[in-house]
């Protein structure tokens, strides 16, 4: 590997390590080439997210997102050389030569962030799924391009579908965790019909649920939905090699444990960000690396087959 490409990957890994604790924790379990590729994907995705979450005026955000889409077009056209001044572009272009990464998923991510910039809200879960598939399902499919599937893995033709579904599970967990923070930024992601059903249509603007609402009922409703997505998405695990499976199991396992905490104490999400201590993350990583989660899912899948 040339010095410019190595430096570009180092930059992406630094971005990942400083800004994505859960993600960085999972990809530590990967071999070097896959870890570097995942860091490049994260660094590009983070750039897109930062534009959407930043303080620029909406018109400026739209322009920056289109510039980023044009950069992605250059990467797809193989027009980025190793001496390019943008390290993220250099690393991502190299990763795409190493692995069959479906880079069109990053176009979907940009589409999803455009929804944020335009202030879109979602009436139903089917509406919200469109957004979640753009900002998270696409990341699952991109990651699968790096992980690959093992030869002869049963049902591997559905691997991209399961990766997409697991992305939805992670995103819905994120939405529950960040409900107050998002409200403070003027964003509402939970479906309007769910908010109305549980008396939460006025939104979340403090550390207490809206007066007269069934906030716990709302959270438990969304938790059940997320759990069903995890069950389906976890069917990806037996299709991956040991270290890729460990990475996915670690990241997904951290979010499943977050979901458990949110379920036990719904109003905690209104008081601050729910997180896991390092020792719990380490336990999840060990479970993933041992293959325990993958073996469990394999047995469950076998029982479901006729």
Foldseek 3Di string as FASTA:
>chain_A
DDPLLVVLLVVLLVCCVVPPPLLNLLLVLPPDLLSSLLSLVVSLLVVLVCLLPDDDQLVVSVVVLVVSVVLLVCLVVVNDDSPDPNSSSNNNSVSVVVWVFPSCLVVLLSVLSNCSSVQDEAADVVRLLSSLLNNFLSSLSRSCRSFPFDPPQPPVVCLSVLSSLLRSLLVLLVCLQQQQVCVVVVHDYPHCVLCVVFVQNVGAHALDGPPPGPQLVSLVVSLVVSVVSCLSSLLNLLGGPLSSSLSSQLSSVQSNVSSVVCNVPVSVSRVHGDGDDPVVSVVSSVCSNVCVSVVVSVVVVVVPDD
